[in-house]
Amino acid sequence: MIPRAACGLLLCLSACGTLSVSDEQQLGDKFEREIRREYRFLNDDVVTAYVTKIGTDVLRTLGPQPFEYRFYVVENKEINAFAAPAWHISVHPGTILRVRTVSELAGVLADEIGHVTHRHIAQNYEKQRAASVGRQAAVIGAGILGGGAAAGAANL
């Protein structure tokens, strides 16, 4: 689950169209700042190095990437992991404690790396943008045809 503050940042950029790699890198930096405001990152070099090593081993199988990945452990009681724009992969300690083998943790990290590699966030922006334009057109059309109440209903 992506934190609320970060969701707001992602949604406000939905009208920008598909992101370039450079735009996605800048967004990743902004996302990290938002995450750091909302959550604490685990301050344990051993655990962070462990997660980074596993993530790096997964990345080696993929070949060259447009991003330099960073792996974080976010202090949160939930069992979760998430990918942020560009290169940020975060995992919660509960996930690390819950997996039974290194391979299971590698699978969790591989799933999140896949979201970054396939640029799902950039693709979702394009979908959100198209949906936003369609909704705006419906609201305007309803307002023209049916007045303010109809526009309000269409907006809902």
C-alpha atoms as a PDB file:
ATOM      1  CA  MET A   1       0.000   0.000   0.000  1.00  0.00           C
ATOM      2  CA  ILE A   2       1.445   3.375  -1.011  1.00  0.00           C
ATOM      3  CA  PRO A   3       1.332   6.053   1.722  1.00  0.00           C
ATOM      4  CA  ARG A   4      -1.314   8.816   1.466  1.00  0.00           C
ATOM      5  CA  ALA A   5       1.116  11.712   0.958  1.00  0.00           C
ATOM      6  CA  ALA A   6       2.863   9.876  -1.843  1.00  0.00           C
ATOM      7  CA  CYS A   7      -0.467   9.033  -3.498  1.00  0.00           C
ATOM      8  CA  GLY A   8      -1.285  12.728  -3.578  1.00  0.00           C
ATOM      9  CA  LEU A   9       2.003  13.449  -5.299  1.00  0.00           C
ATOM     10  CA  LEU A  10       1.396  10.705  -7.840  1.00  0.00           C
ATOM     11  CA  LEU A  11      -2.155  11.839  -8.571  1.00  0.00           C
ATOM     12  CA  CYS A  12      -1.228  15.498  -9.047  1.00  0.00           C
ATOM     13  CA  LEU A  13       1.070  14.482 -11.874  1.00  0.00           C
ATOM     14  CA  SER A  14      -1.575  12.451 -13.675  1.00  0.00           C
ATOM     15  CA  ALA A  15      -2.209  15.162 -16.252  1.00  0.00           C
ATOM     16  CA  CYS A  16       1.420  15.100 -17.408  1.00  0.00           C
ATOM     17  CA  GLY A  17       1.045  12.145 -19.784  1.00  0.00           C
ATOM     18  CA  THR A  18       3.494   9.280 -19.974  1.00  0.00           C
ATOM     19  CA  LEU A  19       6.638  10.064 -18.053  1.00  0.00           C
ATOM     20  CA  SER A  20      10.074  10.089 -19.608  1.00  0.00           C
ATOM     21  CA  VAL A  21      12.807   8.187 -17.775  1.00  0.00           C
ATOM     22  CA  SER A  22      14.218  11.521 -16.578  1.00  0.00           C
ATOM     23  CA  ASP A  23      10.789  12.666 -15.344  1.00  0.00           C
ATOM     24  CA  GLU A  24      10.304   9.355 -13.588  1.00  0.00           C
ATOM     25  CA  GLN A  25      13.697   9.746 -11.865  1.00  0.00           C
ATOM     26  CA  GLN A  26      12.730  13.211 -10.620  1.00  0.00           C
ATOM     27  CA  LEU A  27       9.390  11.864  -9.431  1.00  0.00           C
ATOM     28  CA  GLY A  28      11.216   9.062  -7.617  1.00  0.00           C
ATOM     29  CA  ASP A  29      13.249  11.619  -5.688  1.00  0.00           C
ATOM     30  CA  LYS A  30      10.103  13.535  -4.726  1.00  0.00           C
ATOM     31  CA  PHE A  31       8.397  10.298  -3.754  1.00  0.00           C
ATOM     32  CA  GLU A  32      11.300   9.366  -1.475  1.00  0.00           C
ATOM     33  CA  ARG A  33      11.074  12.731   0.305  1.00  0.00           C
ATOM     34  CA  GLU A  34       7.328  12.204   0.854  1.00  0.00           C
ATOM     35  CA  ILE A  35       7.889   8.684   2.163  1.00  0.00           C
ATOM     36  CA  ARG A  36      10.545   9.980   4.574  1.00  0.00           C
ATOM     37  CA  ARG A  37       8.047  12.534   5.896  1.00  0.00           C
ATOM     38  CA  GLU A  38       5.393   9.908   6.518  1.00  0.00           C
ATOM     39  CA  TYR A  39       7.510   6.918   7.584  1.00  0.00           C
ATOM     40  CA  ARG A  40      10.793   6.217   9.263  1.00  0.00           C
ATOM     41  CA  PHE A  41      13.333   4.179   7.375  1.00  0.00           C
ATOM     42  CA  LEU A  42      14.892   1.361   9.360  1.00  0.00           C
ATOM     43  CA  ASN A  43      18.264   2.508  10.618  1.00  0.00           C
ATOM     44  CA  ASP A  44      19.898  -0.913  10.538  1.00  0.00           C
ATOM     45  CA  ASP A  45      22.760  -1.232   8.087  1.00  0.00           C
ATOM     46  CA  VAL A  46      22.819  -5.035   8.308  1.00  0.00           C
ATOM     47  CA  VAL A  47      19.141  -5.464   7.399  1.00  0.00           C
ATOM     48  CA  THR A  48      19.284  -2.807   4.668  1.00  0.00           C
ATOM     49  CA  ALA A  49      22.442  -4.388   3.196  1.00  0.00           C
ATOM     50  CA  TYR A  50      20.726  -7.801   3.270  1.00  0.00           C
ATOM     51  CA  VAL A  51      17.711  -6.511   1.335  1.00  0.00           C
ATOM     52  CA  THR A  52      19.950  -4.567  -1.076  1.00  0.00           C
ATOM     53  CA  LYS A  53      22.080  -7.651  -1.779  1.00  0.00           C
ATOM     54  CA  ILE A  54      19.047  -9.770  -2.570  1.00  0.00           C
ATOM     55  CA  GLY A  55      17.571  -7.023  -4.771  1.00  0.00           C
ATOM     56  CA  THR A  56      20.910  -6.542  -6.560  1.00  0.00           C
ATOM     57  CA  ASP A  57      21.153 -10.284  -7.214  1.00  0.00           C
ATOM     58  CA  VAL A  58      17.687 -10.181  -8.804  1.00  0.00           C
ATOM     59  CA  LEU A  59      18.680  -7.170 -10.908  1.00  0.00           C
ATOM     60  CA  ARG A  60      21.790  -8.936 -12.253  1.00  0.00           C
ATOM     61  CA  THR A  61      19.532 -11.387 -14.076  1.00  0.00           C
ATOM     62  CA  LEU A  62      17.796  -8.550 -15.932  1.00  0.00           C
ATOM     63  CA  GLY A  63      20.775  -6.879 -17.565  1.00  0.00           C
ATOM     64  CA  PRO A  64      21.217  -3.110 -17.931  1.00  0.00           C
ATOM     65  CA  GLN A  65      18.470  -0.934 -16.460  1.00  0.00           C
ATOM     66  CA  PRO A  66      17.650   2.750 -17.038  1.00  0.00           C
ATOM     67  CA  PHE A  67      17.568   3.303 -13.271  1.00  0.00           C
ATOM     68  CA  GLU A  68      19.988   2.795 -10.398  1.00  0.00           C
ATOM     69  CA  TYR A  69      17.857   0.970  -7.866  1.00  0.00           C
ATOM     70  CA  ARG A  70      17.710   1.765  -4.162  1.00  0.00           C
ATOM     71  CA  PHE A  71      16.320  -0.602  -1.571  1.00  0.00           C
ATOM     72  CA  TYR A  72      14.818   0.529   1.719  1.00  0.00           C
ATOM     73  CA  VAL A  73      13.256  -1.009   4.766  1.00  0.00           C
ATOM     74  CA  VAL A  74      10.346   1.165   5.891  1.00  0.00           C
ATOM     75  CA  GLU A  75       9.324   0.877   9.528  1.00  0.00           C
ATOM     76  CA  ASN A  76       5.729  -0.251   9.397  1.00  0.00           C
ATOM     77  CA  LYS A  77       3.896  -3.125  11.080  1.00  0.00           C
ATOM     78  CA  GLU A  78       2.146  -4.274   7.911  1.00  0.00           C
ATOM     79  CA  ILE A  79       3.407  -7.078   5.731  1.00  0.00           C
ATOM     80  CA  ASN A  80       4.046  -5.200   2.535  1.00  0.00           C
ATOM     81  CA  ALA A  81       6.499  -4.030  -0.087  1.00  0.00           C
ATOM     82  CA  PHE A  82       6.082  -1.393  -2.756  1.00  0.00           C
ATOM     83  CA  ALA A  83       7.794   0.102  -5.749  1.00  0.00           C
ATOM     84  CA  ALA A  84       8.047   3.820  -6.233  1.00  0.00           C
ATOM     85  CA  PRO A  85       8.844   5.697  -9.407  1.00  0.00           C
ATOM     86  CA  ALA A  86      12.184   5.069 -11.086  1.00  0.00           C
ATOM     87  CA  TRP A  87      14.193   2.933  -8.694  1.00  0.00           C
ATOM     88  CA  HIS A  88      12.877   2.973  -5.153  1.00  0.00           C
ATOM     89  CA  ILE A  89      11.937  -0.409  -3.717  1.00  0.00           C
ATOM     90  CA  SER A  90      10.707  -0.537  -0.130  1.00  0.00           C
ATOM     91  CA  VAL A  91       9.903  -3.494   2.047  1.00  0.00           C
ATOM     92  CA  HIS A  92       8.421  -3.575   5.538  1.00  0.00           C
ATOM     93  CA  PRO A  93      10.193  -5.495   8.331  1.00  0.00           C
ATOM     94  CA  GLY A  94       7.109  -7.667   8.785  1.00  0.00           C
ATOM     95  CA  THR A  95       7.638  -9.006   5.279  1.00  0.00           C
ATOM     96  CA  ILE A  96      11.268  -9.843   5.992  1.00  0.00           C
ATOM     97  CA  LEU A  97      10.292 -11.638   9.198  1.00  0.00           C
ATOM     98  CA  ARG A  98       7.400 -13.490   7.557  1.00  0.00           C
ATOM     99  CA  VAL A  99       9.235 -15.053   4.597  1.00  0.00           C
ATOM    100  CA  ARG A 100      10.598 -18.533   5.219  1.00  0.00           C
ATOM    101  CA  THR A 101      13.500 -18.437   2.754  1.00  0.00           C
ATOM    102  CA  VAL A 102      15.742 -15.974   0.985  1.00  0.00           C
ATOM    103  CA  SER A 103      14.056 -17.074  -2.256  1.00  0.00           C
ATOM    104  CA  GLU A 104      10.674 -15.882  -0.971  1.00  0.00           C
ATOM    105  CA  LEU A 105      12.100 -12.455  -0.173  1.00  0.00           C
ATOM    106  CA  ALA A 106      13.788 -12.424  -3.589  1.00  0.00           C
ATOM    107  CA  GLY A 107      10.377 -13.142  -5.112  1.00  0.00           C
ATOM    108  CA  VAL A 108       8.812 -10.192  -3.286  1.00  0.00           C
ATOM    109  CA  LEU A 109      11.618  -7.890  -4.439  1.00  0.00           C
ATOM    110  CA  ALA A 110      11.448  -9.293  -7.999  1.00  0.00           C
ATOM    111  CA  ASP A 111       7.748  -8.441  -8.131  1.00  0.00           C
ATOM    112  CA  GLU A 112       8.439  -4.849  -7.113  1.00  0.00           C
ATOM    113  CA  ILE A 113      11.410  -4.588  -9.490  1.00  0.00           C
ATOM    114  CA  GLY A 114       9.087  -5.794 -12.245  1.00  0.00           C
ATOM    115  CA  HIS A 115       6.760  -2.839 -11.610  1.00  0.00           C
ATOM    116  CA  VAL A 116       9.689  -0.456 -12.047  1.00  0.00           C
ATOM    117  CA  THR A 117      11.212  -2.302 -15.010  1.00  0.00           C
ATOM    118  CA  HIS A 118       7.920  -2.353 -16.885  1.00  0.00           C
ATOM    119  CA  ARG A 119       7.323   1.302 -15.941  1.00  0.00           C
ATOM    120  CA  HIS A 120       3.842   0.613 -14.589  1.00  0.00           C
ATOM    121  CA  ILE A 121       3.717   3.997 -12.848  1.00  0.00           C
ATOM    122  CA  ALA A 122       4.328   5.862 -16.121  1.00  0.00           C
ATOM    123  CA  GLN A 123       1.663   3.716 -17.811  1.00  0.00           C
ATOM    124  CA  ASN A 124      -0.793   4.381 -14.992  1.00  0.00           C
ATOM    125  CA  TYR A 125      -0.298   8.121 -15.432  1.00  0.00           C
ATOM    126  CA  GLU A 126      -1.426   7.845 -19.036  1.00  0.00           C
ATOM    127  CA  LYS A 127      -4.509   5.861 -18.005  1.00  0.00           C
ATOM    128  CA  GLN A 128      -5.325   8.346 -15.224  1.00  0.00           C
ATOM    129  CA  ARG A 129      -4.868  11.243 -17.604  1.00  0.00           C
ATOM    130  CA  ALA A 130      -7.249   9.718 -20.154  1.00  0.00           C
ATOM    131  CA  ALA A 131      -9.814   8.968 -17.442  1.00  0.00           C
ATOM    132  CA  SER A 132      -9.482  12.493 -16.074  1.00  0.00           C
ATOM    133  CA  VAL A 133     -10.051  14.051 -19.502  1.00  0.00           C
ATOM    134  CA  GLY A 134     -13.100  11.820 -20.039  1.00  0.00           C
ATOM    135  CA  ARG A 135     -14.548  12.734 -16.651  1.00  0.00           C
ATOM    136  CA  GLN A 136     -14.000  16.434 -17.268  1.00  0.00           C
ATOM    137  CA  ALA A 137     -15.744  16.175 -20.630  1.00  0.00           C
ATOM    138  CA  ALA A 138     -18.693  14.381 -19.009  1.00  0.00           C
ATOM    139  CA  VAL A 139     -18.977  17.055 -16.299  1.00  0.00           C
ATOM    140  CA  ILE A 140     -18.881  19.884 -18.840  1.00  0.00           C
ATOM    141  CA  GLY A 141     -21.395  18.136 -21.091  1.00  0.00           C
ATOM    142  CA  ALA A 142     -23.743  17.454 -18.190  1.00  0.00           C
ATOM    143  CA  GLY A 143     -23.403  21.069 -17.063  1.00  0.00           C
ATOM    144  CA  ILE A 144     -24.272  22.367 -20.522  1.00  0.00           C
ATOM    145  CA  LEU A 145     -27.195  19.999 -20.981  1.00  0.00           C
ATOM    146  CA  GLY A 146     -28.572  19.784 -17.450  1.00  0.00           C
ATOM    147  CA  GLY A 147     -27.166  22.666 -15.441  1.00  0.00           C
ATOM    148  CA  GLY A 148     -25.163  22.774 -12.218  1.00  0.00           C
ATOM    149  CA  ALA A 149     -26.916  19.877 -10.497  1.00  0.00           C
ATOM    150  CA  ALA A 150     -26.282  17.601 -13.468  1.00  0.00           C
ATOM    151  CA  ALA A 151     -22.627  18.654 -13.591  1.00  0.00           C
ATOM    152  CA  GLY A 152     -22.307  17.920  -9.888  1.00  0.00           C
ATOM    153  CA  ALA A 153     -23.853  14.497 -10.345  1.00  0.00           C
ATOM    154  CA  ALA A 154     -21.579  13.733 -13.293  1.00  0.00           C
ATOM    155  CA  ASN A 155     -18.596  14.819 -11.253  1.00  0.00           C
ATOM    156  CA  LEU A 156     -19.519  12.309  -8.557  1.00  0.00           C
END
